[in-house]
Each structure stands twice: as C-alpha cells, then as structure tokens.
Amino acid sequence: MIIVLALLVIAACAAAIELDRRRGVRRSLNQLIHSSDLLGQLSRDPDGQVRRRAARNLWCPPEILEQLIRDSDSEVRRAVADNLNCPPAALDQLSQDPDWLVRQEVADNPNCSPETLDQMSHDADRAVRLVAADNAKTPPETLSRLLQDSWLPVQKAAARNVCTPRQAVTAWHLAQTDSHSNRQPI
C-alpha cells in the first residue's frame, strides 16, 4: 500500500512538472522529489534556478551531480560543490573552476580529498585558502605551510585546525609574538 502511494505521488509530481512549467511550482516540487529520474529531468531544465535546486537536493545521485559540474551557470556548479553527495572526483574537477565561490564550496565539502585540499591551499584567492585551512581533512604538512600564508586570517585558521602539528603552531605563535614585540612605537 505504501509503495502504491509513493508511486502515485511520484506520478503526480511528474505530471505536475509536465503540465505546469511555471518556475515556482517546479522549484517547490524539486524539494519534495527523491526520485533520480525526476531529479534527472530537473537537472536538464532550462531554468538555472531549477537546476540549482536539483543540485542542492540531498537525494541527487552522484551521476547527476557529475553531469552538473559542467553546467554553464556557476551557481549550479556551486550548489553541486556544496552537496554532501558530491563524489571526490567531481570535487577535484570543480577545484579548478574559474569562479572562486565554487572553489570555496569545494574546499568546505567534507568529501574533498586531502590531495585536492593541498592543491587548493595554493589558490590565488585567499578566501579559498582560508576555507582549506579550516577543513579537518587538510593534510598536516599543508596546514604547517599555511601558517606562513601571506594573509593573517589564513594563518590563524591553520593554527586553530586540530590537525596542524602543535610544534608548528607553537613556532608560528612565537614568531607572531616576536614580530609584535619588535615593532617601534609610532
């Protein structure tokens, strides 16, 4: 009985999507959908907001997310990078995205591999490096290097990360203390 009801709901949702192409209805239905077939349809929708919601859906299968990493809309790619179902290989590809906001989401995703995080620790955008310094999967040797980053918030994030070797944090802290004590008054 439950299976029959579930099938009826899915059929009703599919019919509603086909019959009513208004944006609000498609977006609302996307939040209710757990069917990979329907998510696949929504991931090909001409409306970027609908594709974005499909990419954010926690039931979205990795295969669909892997297709959406090539979407022309950076907001869709950002939603893919933020999805907890996004596979590490897709995150690795998105780590090279031209949009720094996409790369920032990649660095924040718990599925991001240590190798990708190490690569992202060299990112030209300091906000991406900051998020990589906060990620618990960032390798200890990478965190030690980030203690020497040109931007102080990145250094502080690396110092707060529990995976950073304590010896490196102590040396960084002493260097910070020395640099403040050697300043001349204005």
Protein backbone atom coordinates (compact mmCIF):
# COMPACT_ATOMS: atom_id res chain seq x y z
CA MET A 1 0.00 0.00 0.00
CA ILE A 2 2.81 2.42 0.89
CA ILE A 3 4.63 1.61 -2.35
CA VAL A 4 1.46 2.26 -4.35
CA LEU A 5 1.00 5.62 -2.60
CA ALA A 6 4.65 6.54 -3.22
CA LEU A 7 4.28 5.68 -6.90
CA LEU A 8 1.13 7.78 -7.11
CA VAL A 9 2.92 10.74 -5.52
CA ILE A 10 5.84 10.40 -7.93
CA ALA A 11 3.46 10.11 -10.87
CA ALA A 12 1.55 13.16 -9.66
CA CYS A 13 4.77 15.14 -9.32
CA ALA A 14 5.90 14.10 -12.80
CA ALA A 15 2.53 15.06 -14.24
CA ALA A 16 2.61 18.38 -12.43
CA ILE A 17 6.06 19.15 -13.81
CA GLU A 18 4.96 18.35 -17.35
CA LEU A 19 1.63 20.16 -17.09
CA ASP A 20 2.69 23.23 -15.14
CA ARG A 21 6.02 24.70 -16.28
CA ARG A 22 5.78 27.73 -14.05
CA ARG A 23 9.02 28.35 -12.13
CA GLY A 24 7.61 28.38 -8.61
CA VAL A 25 5.88 25.03 -8.97
CA ARG A 26 8.98 23.32 -10.42
CA ARG A 27 11.17 24.75 -7.65
CA SER A 28 8.75 23.67 -4.91
CA LEU A 29 8.38 20.19 -6.32
CA ASN A 30 12.14 19.79 -6.52
CA GLN A 31 12.37 19.95 -2.74
CA LEU A 32 9.87 17.08 -2.45
CA ILE A 33 11.46 14.83 -5.04
CA HIS A 34 13.59 11.85 -4.13
CA SER A 35 13.34 10.06 -7.49
CA SER A 36 16.55 10.04 -9.50
CA ASP A 37 14.52 10.04 -12.74
CA LEU A 38 12.73 13.22 -11.76
CA LEU A 39 15.93 14.81 -10.47
CA GLY A 40 17.50 13.95 -13.80
CA GLN A 41 14.69 15.77 -15.60
CA LEU A 42 15.05 18.78 -13.33
CA SER A 43 18.83 18.82 -13.83
CA ARG A 44 18.19 19.40 -17.56
CA ASP A 45 15.58 22.12 -17.03
CA PRO A 46 16.26 25.37 -18.95
CA ASP A 47 15.76 27.39 -15.74
CA GLY A 48 19.05 27.71 -13.84
CA GLN A 49 17.26 28.04 -10.51
CA VAL A 50 15.56 24.68 -11.05
CA ARG A 51 18.88 23.03 -11.93
CA ARG A 52 20.45 24.67 -8.87
CA ARG A 53 17.77 23.22 -6.61
CA ALA A 54 18.24 19.80 -8.17
CA ALA A 55 21.98 20.08 -7.47
CA ARG A 56 21.29 21.02 -3.84
CA ASN A 57 18.88 18.13 -3.30
CA LEU A 58 20.47 15.66 -0.87
CA TRP A 59 18.83 12.80 -2.78
CA CYS A 60 20.52 13.81 -6.02
CA PRO A 61 22.59 10.84 -7.21
CA PRO A 62 26.32 11.31 -7.82
CA GLU A 63 25.86 10.58 -11.55
CA ILE A 64 23.62 13.62 -11.95
CA LEU A 65 25.94 15.78 -9.85
CA GLU A 66 28.82 14.72 -12.10
CA GLN A 67 26.83 15.92 -15.12
CA LEU A 68 26.01 19.24 -13.45
CA ILE A 69 29.67 20.13 -12.80
CA ARG A 70 29.80 21.18 -16.47
CA ASP A 71 26.75 23.46 -16.20
CA SER A 72 27.25 26.93 -17.68
CA ASP A 73 25.68 28.54 -14.57
CA SER A 74 28.29 28.98 -11.82
CA GLU A 75 25.51 28.96 -9.19
CA VAL A 76 24.58 25.43 -10.29
CA ARG A 77 28.23 24.32 -10.04
CA ARG A 78 28.43 25.97 -6.62
CA ALA A 79 25.37 24.00 -5.48
CA VAL A 80 26.99 20.79 -6.73
CA ALA A 81 30.18 21.58 -4.77
CA ASP A 82 28.08 22.17 -1.65
CA ASN A 83 26.17 18.87 -1.95
CA LEU A 84 27.29 16.24 0.58
CA ASN A 85 26.72 13.52 -2.06
CA CYS A 86 29.21 15.06 -4.45
CA PRO A 87 31.93 12.47 -5.16
CA PRO A 88 35.59 13.38 -4.55
CA ALA A 89 36.43 13.06 -8.27
CA ALA A 90 33.80 15.68 -9.14
CA LEU A 91 35.07 17.94 -6.36
CA ASP A 92 38.58 17.55 -7.75
CA GLN A 93 37.34 18.79 -11.14
CA LEU A 94 35.42 21.66 -9.56
CA SER A 95 38.55 22.72 -7.63
CA GLN A 96 39.76 24.15 -10.97
CA ASP A 97 36.56 26.15 -11.58
CA PRO A 98 37.12 29.76 -12.70
CA ASP A 99 34.63 31.00 -10.07
CA TRP A 100 36.27 31.38 -6.65
CA LEU A 101 32.92 30.84 -4.90
CA VAL A 102 32.67 27.37 -6.47
CA ARG A 103 36.23 26.58 -5.36
CA GLN A 104 35.43 27.84 -1.86
CA GLU A 105 32.49 25.40 -1.62
CA VAL A 106 34.77 22.59 -2.80
CA ALA A 107 37.27 23.36 -0.04
CA ASP A 108 34.45 23.30 2.51
CA ASN A 109 32.95 19.98 1.39
CA PRO A 110 33.79 17.08 3.78
CA ASN A 111 34.18 14.76 0.76
CA CYS A 112 37.05 16.81 -0.60
CA SER A 113 40.20 14.68 -0.73
CA PRO A 114 43.37 15.69 1.16
CA GLU A 115 45.18 15.89 -2.21
CA THR A 116 42.63 18.35 -3.56
CA LEU A 117 42.80 20.41 -0.37
CA ASP A 118 46.58 20.53 -0.65
CA GLN A 119 46.25 21.80 -4.21
CA MET A 120 43.65 24.36 -3.12
CA SER A 121 45.95 25.66 -0.40
CA HIS A 122 47.88 27.32 -3.27
CA ASP A 123 44.76 29.01 -4.70
CA ALA A 124 45.19 32.61 -5.83
CA ASP A 125 42.07 33.58 -3.89
CA ARG A 126 42.71 33.98 -0.18
CA ALA A 127 39.13 33.08 0.76
CA VAL A 128 39.61 29.65 -0.82
CA ARG A 129 42.86 29.17 1.13
CA LEU A 130 41.05 30.24 4.30
CA VAL A 131 38.39 27.56 3.90
CA ALA A 132 41.03 24.95 3.03
CA ALA A 133 42.88 25.89 6.25
CA ASP A 134 39.66 25.24 8.21
CA ASN A 135 38.97 21.80 6.69
CA ALA A 136 39.79 18.89 9.03
CA LYS A 137 40.91 16.77 6.05
CA THR A 138 43.66 19.18 5.03
CA PRO A 139 46.99 17.35 5.47
CA PRO A 140 49.14 18.40 8.46
CA GLU A 141 52.09 19.38 6.23
CA THR A 142 49.78 21.62 4.19
CA LEU A 143 48.47 23.25 7.36
CA SER A 144 52.04 23.86 8.54
CA ARG A 145 52.73 25.64 5.24
CA LEU A 146 49.52 27.68 5.55
CA LEU A 147 50.85 29.06 8.84
CA GLN A 148 53.18 31.09 6.57
CA ASP A 149 50.41 32.31 4.25
CA SER A 150 50.52 35.95 3.18
CA TRP A 151 47.08 36.60 4.74
CA LEU A 152 46.87 36.53 8.54
CA PRO A 153 43.31 35.06 8.71
CA VAL A 154 44.57 32.02 6.75
CA GLN A 155 47.43 31.65 9.21
CA LYS A 156 45.04 31.87 12.16
CA ALA A 157 42.67 29.32 10.63
CA ALA A 158 45.57 26.91 10.12
CA ALA A 159 46.69 27.49 13.73
CA ARG A 160 43.16 26.68 15.00
CA ASN A 161 42.85 23.50 12.93
CA VAL A 162 43.26 20.49 15.25
CA CYS A 163 45.21 18.65 12.53
CA THR A 164 48.00 21.23 12.44
CA PRO A 165 51.09 19.87 14.20
CA ARG A 166 51.36 21.50 17.65
CA GLN A 167 55.06 22.13 17.13
CA ALA A 168 54.31 24.18 14.01
CA VAL A 169 51.59 26.14 15.83
CA THR A 170 53.95 26.89 18.71
CA ALA A 171 56.65 28.13 16.33
CA TRP A 172 54.07 30.27 14.48
CA HIS A 173 52.78 31.72 17.74
CA LEU A 174 56.32 32.57 18.91
CA ALA A 175 57.03 34.25 15.57
CA GLN A 176 53.84 36.28 15.91
CA THR A 177 54.76 37.33 19.44
CA ASP A 178 58.29 38.32 18.34
CA SER A 179 57.04 40.35 15.40
CA HIS A 180 54.72 42.33 17.72
CA SER A 181 57.39 42.96 20.36
CA ASN A 182 59.92 44.24 17.75
CA ARG A 183 57.61 46.94 16.42
CA GLN A 184 58.63 50.51 17.04
CA PRO A 185 56.07 52.89 18.58
CA ILE A 186 54.66 55.48 16.21
